[in-house]
Amino acid sequence: HLIKDLLDLSSYESGTFTIVKAPFDFSALILDTVEKYRRALHEKQVSLDVEIPEQCIMNADKLRIEQIISNFMSNAQAYVKTNGLIKVRLEKLSDTVCMSVMNSGSDIPEDELENIWTSFYKIQSSKSHTNTGIGLGLAIVKAIVELHKGSYGIENMEDGVRFWIKLPLA
């Protein structure tokens, strides 16, 4: 997986990768992708709250959007507290869609927020997380969102951390 992630990220960032847009149901893709994490979350006694429209058709690279959802879910799973909560939201706006994943857990220090989108960056103050990956997931999210002409971000919430993307529907 590491080599594939490195090759993907390299092609995204070099400008040699072309996204292949086609219409698909973003809501169905979220449900299918989140389902892959349900068992592991249940074992960790983590509640999963999914709030999405019944259907949300968008024109984008489905495989790459699935990669974003998977990377957000992997991060949420790694950092959520035992007996915690992961919330997945999808909101259809006028010409864009906003998807977010929030996990209950520790805040990310304010001075680290911008750095987490950088390849191989790992938060230094992460005491209780020993198996949190190598720091490519969010860099890949950033590259895919930029290829789709969207935006991305993170915010500390009262009860955890929320990652989000906004993408054009067309």
C-alpha atoms as a PDB file:
ATOM      1  CA  HIS A   1       0.000   0.000   0.000  1.00  0.00           C
ATOM      2  CA  LEU A   2       2.864   2.368   0.793  1.00  0.00           C
ATOM      3  CA  ILE A   3       4.374   2.100  -2.688  1.00  0.00           C
ATOM      4  CA  LYS A   4       0.965   2.540  -4.343  1.00  0.00           C
ATOM      5  CA  ASP A   5       0.229   5.595  -2.179  1.00  0.00           C
ATOM      6  CA  LEU A   6       3.609   7.115  -3.007  1.00  0.00           C
ATOM      7  CA  LEU A   7       3.136   6.523  -6.737  1.00  0.00           C
ATOM      8  CA  ASP A   8      -0.408   7.927  -6.640  1.00  0.00           C
ATOM      9  CA  LEU A   9       0.661  11.021  -4.720  1.00  0.00           C
ATOM     10  CA  SER A  10       3.607  11.572  -7.048  1.00  0.00           C
ATOM     11  CA  SER A  11       1.400  11.432 -10.143  1.00  0.00           C
ATOM     12  CA  TYR A  12      -1.238  13.704  -8.575  1.00  0.00           C
ATOM     13  CA  GLU A  13       1.307  16.321  -7.564  1.00  0.00           C
ATOM     14  CA  SER A  14       3.320  16.180 -10.798  1.00  0.00           C
ATOM     15  CA  GLY A  15       0.336  17.096 -12.919  1.00  0.00           C
ATOM     16  CA  THR A  16       0.633  13.914 -15.004  1.00  0.00           C
ATOM     17  CA  PHE A  17      -2.516  12.358 -13.528  1.00  0.00           C
ATOM     18  CA  THR A  18      -5.844  12.976 -15.221  1.00  0.00           C
ATOM     19  CA  ILE A  19      -9.032  12.470 -13.276  1.00  0.00           C
ATOM     20  CA  VAL A  20     -11.782  10.562 -15.058  1.00  0.00           C
ATOM     21  CA  LYS A  21     -15.122  12.181 -14.308  1.00  0.00           C
ATOM     22  CA  ALA A  22     -18.409  10.324 -14.587  1.00  0.00           C
ATOM     23  CA  PRO A  23     -21.758  10.674 -12.820  1.00  0.00           C
ATOM     24  CA  PHE A  24     -22.243   8.563  -9.672  1.00  0.00           C
ATOM     25  CA  ASP A  25     -24.201   8.606  -6.429  1.00  0.00           C
ATOM     26  CA  PHE A  26     -21.958  10.132  -3.739  1.00  0.00           C
ATOM     27  CA  SER A  27     -24.397   9.058  -1.009  1.00  0.00           C
ATOM     28  CA  ALA A  28     -24.232   5.394  -2.054  1.00  0.00           C
ATOM     29  CA  LEU A  29     -20.435   5.560  -2.274  1.00  0.00           C
ATOM     30  CA  ILE A  30     -20.220   6.923   1.276  1.00  0.00           C
ATOM     31  CA  LEU A  31     -22.504   4.178   2.603  1.00  0.00           C
ATOM     32  CA  ASP A  32     -20.499   1.444   0.827  1.00  0.00           C
ATOM     33  CA  THR A  33     -17.151   2.815   1.999  1.00  0.00           C
ATOM     34  CA  VAL A  34     -18.213   3.449   5.599  1.00  0.00           C
ATOM     35  CA  GLU A  35     -19.593  -0.100   5.818  1.00  0.00           C
ATOM     36  CA  LYS A  36     -16.028  -1.430   5.453  1.00  0.00           C
ATOM     37  CA  TYR A  37     -15.152   0.204   8.795  1.00  0.00           C
ATOM     38  CA  ARG A  38     -18.256  -0.792  10.749  1.00  0.00           C
ATOM     39  CA  ARG A  39     -16.888  -4.028  12.261  1.00  0.00           C
ATOM     40  CA  ALA A  40     -13.621  -2.492  13.474  1.00  0.00           C
ATOM     41  CA  LEU A  41     -15.536   0.447  14.965  1.00  0.00           C
ATOM     42  CA  HIS A  42     -17.944  -1.915  16.700  1.00  0.00           C
ATOM     43  CA  GLU A  43     -14.998  -3.813  18.215  1.00  0.00           C
ATOM     44  CA  LYS A  44     -13.619  -0.506  19.517  1.00  0.00           C
ATOM     45  CA  GLN A  45     -17.110   0.329  20.833  1.00  0.00           C
ATOM     46  CA  VAL A  46     -17.283   3.403  18.626  1.00  0.00           C
ATOM     47  CA  SER A  47     -20.670   4.734  17.530  1.00  0.00           C
ATOM     48  CA  LEU A  48     -21.074   5.631  13.882  1.00  0.00           C
ATOM     49  CA  ASP A  49     -23.533   8.389  12.936  1.00  0.00           C
ATOM     50  CA  VAL A  50     -24.087   8.823   9.180  1.00  0.00           C
ATOM     51  CA  GLU A  51     -26.258  11.701   7.949  1.00  0.00           C
ATOM     52  CA  ILE A  52     -26.458  11.927   4.178  1.00  0.00           C
ATOM     53  CA  PRO A  53     -29.129  12.675   1.581  1.00  0.00           C
ATOM     54  CA  GLU A  54     -30.898   9.674   0.081  1.00  0.00           C
ATOM     55  CA  GLN A  55     -29.170  10.409  -3.203  1.00  0.00           C
ATOM     56  CA  CYS A  56     -26.518  12.888  -4.344  1.00  0.00           C
ATOM     57  CA  ILE A  57     -25.454  12.568  -7.967  1.00  0.00           C
ATOM     58  CA  MET A  58     -22.176  14.252  -8.805  1.00  0.00           C
ATOM     59  CA  ASN A  59     -19.748  14.228 -11.706  1.00  0.00           C
ATOM     60  CA  ALA A  60     -16.282  13.323 -10.432  1.00  0.00           C
ATOM     61  CA  ASP A  61     -13.655  10.579 -10.378  1.00  0.00           C
ATOM     62  CA  LYS A  62     -15.463   7.966  -8.283  1.00  0.00           C
ATOM     63  CA  LEU A  63     -12.363   5.925  -7.455  1.00  0.00           C
ATOM     64  CA  ARG A  64     -10.503   9.005  -6.191  1.00  0.00           C
ATOM     65  CA  ILE A  65     -13.498  10.216  -4.173  1.00  0.00           C
ATOM     66  CA  GLU A  66     -13.676   6.770  -2.561  1.00  0.00           C
ATOM     67  CA  GLN A  67      -9.996   7.192  -1.671  1.00  0.00           C
ATOM     68  CA  ILE A  68     -10.834  10.454   0.129  1.00  0.00           C
ATOM     69  CA  ILE A  69     -13.638   8.825   2.120  1.00  0.00           C
ATOM     70  CA  SER A  70     -11.362   5.901   3.036  1.00  0.00           C
ATOM     71  CA  ASN A  71      -8.531   8.174   4.135  1.00  0.00           C
ATOM     72  CA  PHE A  72     -10.866  10.274   6.301  1.00  0.00           C
ATOM     73  CA  MET A  73     -12.390   7.135   7.837  1.00  0.00           C
ATOM     74  CA  SER A  74      -8.953   5.590   8.500  1.00  0.00           C
ATOM     75  CA  ASN A  75      -7.863   8.751  10.311  1.00  0.00           C
ATOM     76  CA  ALA A  76     -11.087   8.936  12.297  1.00  0.00           C
ATOM     77  CA  GLN A  77     -10.777   5.283  13.285  1.00  0.00           C
ATOM     78  CA  ALA A  78      -7.145   5.735  14.356  1.00  0.00           C
ATOM     79  CA  TYR A  79      -7.799   8.785  16.517  1.00  0.00           C
ATOM     80  CA  VAL A  80     -11.284   8.211  17.942  1.00  0.00           C
ATOM     81  CA  LYS A  81     -11.524   7.422  21.628  1.00  0.00           C
ATOM     82  CA  THR A  82     -12.748   4.000  22.738  1.00  0.00           C
ATOM     83  CA  ASN A  83     -16.500   4.360  23.293  1.00  0.00           C
ATOM     84  CA  GLY A  84     -16.283   7.452  21.088  1.00  0.00           C
ATOM     85  CA  LEU A  85     -18.205   8.680  18.081  1.00  0.00           C
ATOM     86  CA  ILE A  86     -17.552   9.154  14.372  1.00  0.00           C
ATOM     87  CA  LYS A  87     -19.974  11.373  12.439  1.00  0.00           C
ATOM     88  CA  VAL A  88     -20.105  11.301   8.641  1.00  0.00           C
ATOM     89  CA  ARG A  89     -22.051  14.089   6.946  1.00  0.00           C
ATOM     90  CA  LEU A  90     -22.873  14.960   3.357  1.00  0.00           C
ATOM     91  CA  GLU A  91     -24.623  18.202   2.505  1.00  0.00           C
ATOM     92  CA  LYS A  92     -25.718  19.160  -0.979  1.00  0.00           C
ATOM     93  CA  LEU A  93     -25.424  22.899  -1.557  1.00  0.00           C
ATOM     94  CA  SER A  94     -26.414  24.796  -4.715  1.00  0.00           C
ATOM     95  CA  ASP A  95     -23.566  23.747  -7.020  1.00  0.00           C
ATOM     96  CA  THR A  96     -21.253  22.014  -4.541  1.00  0.00           C
ATOM     97  CA  VAL A  97     -21.324  19.198  -2.042  1.00  0.00           C
ATOM     98  CA  CYS A  98     -19.700  19.220   1.399  1.00  0.00           C
ATOM     99  CA  MET A  99     -18.630  15.955   3.008  1.00  0.00           C
ATOM    100  CA  SER A 100     -17.189  15.784   6.518  1.00  0.00           C
ATOM    101  CA  VAL A 101     -15.953  13.197   8.976  1.00  0.00           C
ATOM    102  CA  MET A 102     -15.739  14.092  12.665  1.00  0.00           C
ATOM    103  CA  ASN A 103     -14.285  11.916  15.386  1.00  0.00           C
ATOM    104  CA  SER A 104     -14.457  12.416  19.118  1.00  0.00           C
ATOM    105  CA  GLY A 105     -10.991  12.667  20.552  1.00  0.00           C
ATOM    106  CA  SER A 106      -8.187  15.062  21.264  1.00  0.00           C
ATOM    107  CA  ASP A 107      -7.849  18.365  19.453  1.00  0.00           C
ATOM    108  CA  ILE A 108      -5.031  18.947  17.005  1.00  0.00           C
ATOM    109  CA  PRO A 109      -2.761  21.769  18.192  1.00  0.00           C
ATOM    110  CA  GLU A 110      -3.545  24.970  16.268  1.00  0.00           C
ATOM    111  CA  ASP A 111       0.033  25.316  15.006  1.00  0.00           C
ATOM    112  CA  GLU A 112      -0.185  21.814  13.470  1.00  0.00           C
ATOM    113  CA  LEU A 113      -3.451  22.259  11.521  1.00  0.00           C
ATOM    114  CA  GLU A 114      -1.929  23.462   8.241  1.00  0.00           C
ATOM    115  CA  ASN A 115       0.945  20.969   8.359  1.00  0.00           C
ATOM    116  CA  ILE A 116      -1.197  17.826   8.456  1.00  0.00           C
ATOM    117  CA  TRP A 117      -1.865  18.112   4.706  1.00  0.00           C
ATOM    118  CA  THR A 118       1.886  17.765   4.000  1.00  0.00           C
ATOM    119  CA  SER A 119       3.358  14.417   2.908  1.00  0.00           C
ATOM    120  CA  PHE A 120       4.892  12.367   5.745  1.00  0.00           C
ATOM    121  CA  TYR A 121       3.870  14.894   8.387  1.00  0.00           C
ATOM    122  CA  LYS A 122       2.899  13.407  11.732  1.00  0.00           C
ATOM    123  CA  ILE A 123       1.710  15.349  14.740  1.00  0.00           C
ATOM    124  CA  GLN A 124       4.454  15.430  17.352  1.00  0.00           C
ATOM    125  CA  SER A 125       2.148  15.565  20.355  1.00  0.00           C
ATOM    126  CA  SER A 126       0.367  12.328  19.486  1.00  0.00           C
ATOM    127  CA  LYS A 127       1.129  10.396  22.679  1.00  0.00           C
ATOM    128  CA  SER A 128      -1.486   7.684  22.639  1.00  0.00           C
ATOM    129  CA  HIS A 129      -1.456   6.797  18.952  1.00  0.00           C
ATOM    130  CA  THR A 130       1.325   4.424  17.998  1.00  0.00           C
ATOM    131  CA  ASN A 131      -0.106   2.967  14.798  1.00  0.00           C
ATOM    132  CA  THR A 132      -1.341   6.012  12.915  1.00  0.00           C
ATOM    133  CA  GLY A 133       0.202   5.479   9.497  1.00  0.00           C
ATOM    134  CA  ILE A 134       2.997   7.266   7.747  1.00  0.00           C
ATOM    135  CA  GLY A 135       1.466  10.635   6.953  1.00  0.00           C
ATOM    136  CA  LEU A 136       0.365  10.251   3.319  1.00  0.00           C
ATOM    137  CA  GLY A 137      -3.426   9.972   3.626  1.00  0.00           C
ATOM    138  CA  LEU A 138      -4.252  13.644   4.037  1.00  0.00           C
ATOM    139  CA  ALA A 139      -1.675  14.700   1.427  1.00  0.00           C
ATOM    140  CA  ILE A 140      -3.480  12.382  -0.998  1.00  0.00           C
ATOM    141  CA  VAL A 141      -6.850  13.901  -0.001  1.00  0.00           C
ATOM    142  CA  LYS A 142      -5.463  17.393  -0.640  1.00  0.00           C
ATOM    143  CA  ALA A 143      -4.135  16.426  -4.088  1.00  0.00           C
ATOM    144  CA  ILE A 144      -7.378  14.741  -5.174  1.00  0.00           C
ATOM    145  CA  VAL A 145      -9.519  17.648  -3.972  1.00  0.00           C
ATOM    146  CA  GLU A 146      -7.293  20.119  -5.823  1.00  0.00           C
ATOM    147  CA  LEU A 147      -7.545  18.033  -9.019  1.00  0.00           C
ATOM    148  CA  HIS A 148     -11.346  18.331  -8.689  1.00  0.00           C
ATOM    149  CA  LYS A 149     -11.091  22.127  -8.136  1.00  0.00           C
ATOM    150  CA  GLY A 150     -12.504  21.800  -4.622  1.00  0.00           C
ATOM    151  CA  SER A 151     -11.476  22.882  -1.142  1.00  0.00           C
ATOM    152  CA  TYR A 152     -10.603  21.064   2.071  1.00  0.00           C
ATOM    153  CA  GLY A 153     -10.078  21.815   5.717  1.00  0.00           C
ATOM    154  CA  ILE A 154     -10.002  20.770   9.316  1.00  0.00           C
ATOM    155  CA  GLU A 155     -11.379  22.253  12.492  1.00  0.00           C
ATOM    156  CA  ASN A 156     -11.195  21.441  16.149  1.00  0.00           C
ATOM    157  CA  MET A 157     -14.666  21.023  17.566  1.00  0.00           C
ATOM    158  CA  GLU A 158     -15.852  21.039  21.164  1.00  0.00           C
ATOM    159  CA  ASP A 159     -16.020  17.238  21.136  1.00  0.00           C
ATOM    160  CA  GLY A 160     -13.385  16.247  18.566  1.00  0.00           C
ATOM    161  CA  VAL A 161     -11.895  17.018  15.179  1.00  0.00           C
ATOM    162  CA  ARG A 162     -13.750  17.503  11.871  1.00  0.00           C
ATOM    163  CA  PHE A 163     -12.195  17.039   8.426  1.00  0.00           C
ATOM    164  CA  TRP A 164     -14.140  18.300   5.406  1.00  0.00           C
ATOM    165  CA  ILE A 165     -14.061  18.656   1.652  1.00  0.00           C
ATOM    166  CA  LYS A 166     -16.166  20.740  -0.720  1.00  0.00           C
ATOM    167  CA  LEU A 167     -16.406  19.626  -4.328  1.00  0.00           C
ATOM    168  CA  PRO A 168     -18.286  20.914  -7.361  1.00  0.00           C
ATOM    169  CA  LEU A 169     -21.254  18.747  -8.351  1.00  0.00           C
ATOM    170  CA  ALA A 170     -20.431  19.023 -12.064  1.00  0.00           C
END
